[in-house]
Amino acid sequence: MLAGALLTATVSAVLAAESAEKTTKAAEVVARVGGAEITRAALEEALHRRIRSTYYHGQQRAGQEAYLRREVFQELVDRTLLLREAERRGLQPDAENVQQ
């Protein structure tokens, strides 16, 4: 009985450590752009969206992931820069265009 409880506690500790590692990795900052942070989770989500929208059944060609990762990363940086510049200039979206 004690061995079972010890095994359960050990497994729980290992699972908690793995979960914490995944959370830390997802929150890891991969770039800072003008004070804004781009996290690994944001990069991975954008990459997965691109793969799903670009390739049939989400299957990219061999060797394409590194290229796509760089391209998506650059797009996130560009978007962040554009948003920061729009904020700096005090630009607001036109309500009519947002409705469309």
Protein backbone atom coordinates (compact mmCIF):
# COMPACT_ATOMS: atom_id res chain seq x y z
CA MET A 1 0.00 0.00 0.00
CA LEU A 2 2.82 2.38 0.88
CA ALA A 3 4.62 1.44 -2.34
CA GLY A 4 1.47 2.23 -4.34
CA ALA A 5 1.09 5.62 -2.67
CA LEU A 6 4.78 6.37 -3.26
CA LEU A 7 4.47 5.38 -6.92
CA THR A 8 1.36 7.55 -7.33
CA ALA A 9 3.12 10.52 -5.71
CA THR A 10 6.17 10.03 -7.95
CA VAL A 11 4.06 9.81 -11.11
CA SER A 12 2.11 12.90 -10.06
CA ALA A 13 5.33 14.82 -9.45
CA VAL A 14 6.73 13.82 -12.85
CA LEU A 15 3.50 14.80 -14.62
CA ALA A 16 3.42 18.14 -12.79
CA ALA A 17 7.04 18.82 -13.76
CA GLU A 18 6.32 17.98 -17.41
CA SER A 19 3.26 20.23 -17.37
CA ALA A 20 5.26 23.09 -15.85
CA GLU A 21 7.99 22.59 -18.47
CA LYS A 22 5.43 22.74 -21.30
CA THR A 23 3.87 25.87 -19.79
CA THR A 24 7.29 27.49 -19.43
CA LYS A 25 8.24 26.56 -22.99
CA ALA A 26 4.94 27.92 -24.38
CA ALA A 27 5.44 31.20 -22.49
CA GLU A 28 9.07 31.43 -23.64
CA VAL A 29 9.69 34.71 -25.44
CA VAL A 30 11.20 34.15 -28.89
CA ALA A 31 11.39 37.86 -29.82
CA ARG A 32 10.92 41.31 -28.38
CA VAL A 33 9.69 43.87 -30.88
CA GLY A 34 9.48 47.46 -29.69
CA GLY A 35 8.56 46.37 -26.18
CA ALA A 36 6.05 43.74 -27.33
CA GLU A 37 6.84 40.07 -26.85
CA ILE A 38 6.27 37.22 -29.29
CA THR A 39 5.98 33.93 -27.41
CA ARG A 40 6.76 30.46 -28.65
CA ALA A 41 3.06 29.61 -28.20
CA ALA A 42 2.03 32.48 -30.50
CA LEU A 43 4.60 31.42 -33.09
CA GLU A 44 3.53 27.76 -32.96
CA GLU A 45 -0.18 28.67 -33.24
CA ALA A 46 0.48 30.93 -36.24
CA LEU A 47 2.60 28.21 -37.84
CA HIS A 48 -0.11 25.58 -37.37
CA ARG A 49 -2.75 27.91 -38.81
CA ARG A 50 -0.53 28.50 -41.85
CA ILE A 51 0.09 24.80 -42.38
CA ARG A 52 -3.64 24.01 -42.13
CA SER A 53 -4.58 26.78 -44.55
CA THR A 54 -1.78 26.15 -47.05
CA TYR A 55 -1.46 22.39 -47.33
CA TYR A 56 -4.02 19.72 -48.06
CA HIS A 57 -4.89 17.91 -44.82
CA GLY A 58 -2.26 20.01 -43.00
CA GLN A 59 0.58 18.00 -44.49
CA GLN A 60 3.43 20.20 -45.66
CA ARG A 61 6.04 18.97 -48.06
CA ALA A 62 9.25 17.56 -46.59
CA GLY A 63 11.69 20.29 -45.67
CA GLN A 64 9.09 23.07 -45.75
CA GLU A 65 8.64 23.54 -42.01
CA ALA A 66 11.86 25.53 -41.49
CA TYR A 67 10.97 27.84 -44.38
CA LEU A 68 7.40 28.28 -43.13
CA ARG A 69 8.59 28.88 -39.57
CA ARG A 70 10.89 31.71 -40.72
CA GLU A 71 8.17 33.19 -42.92
CA VAL A 72 5.51 33.08 -40.19
CA PHE A 73 7.96 34.48 -37.64
CA GLN A 74 8.76 37.40 -39.94
CA GLU A 75 5.04 38.04 -40.46
CA LEU A 76 4.49 38.15 -36.68
CA VAL A 77 7.35 40.63 -36.32
CA ASP A 78 6.00 42.76 -39.20
CA ARG A 79 2.47 42.72 -37.78
CA THR A 80 3.73 43.72 -34.35
CA LEU A 81 5.73 46.59 -35.86
CA LEU A 82 2.70 47.79 -37.83
CA LEU A 83 0.45 47.65 -34.76
CA ARG A 84 3.01 49.56 -32.67
CA GLU A 85 3.32 52.22 -35.38
CA ALA A 86 -0.46 52.53 -35.68
CA GLU A 87 -0.70 52.97 -31.90
CA ARG A 88 2.09 55.57 -31.96
CA ARG A 89 0.25 57.55 -34.62
CA GLY A 90 -3.06 57.20 -32.79
CA LEU A 91 -4.71 55.40 -35.69
CA GLN A 92 -8.01 53.65 -35.00
CA PRO A 93 -9.84 51.19 -37.24
CA ASP A 94 -12.77 52.59 -39.18
CA ALA A 95 -15.94 51.14 -37.63
CA GLU A 96 -17.52 50.69 -41.07
CA ASN A 97 -14.55 48.65 -42.34
CA VAL A 98 -14.50 46.55 -39.18
CA GLN A 99 -18.15 45.60 -39.78
CA GLN A 100 -17.24 44.22 -43.22
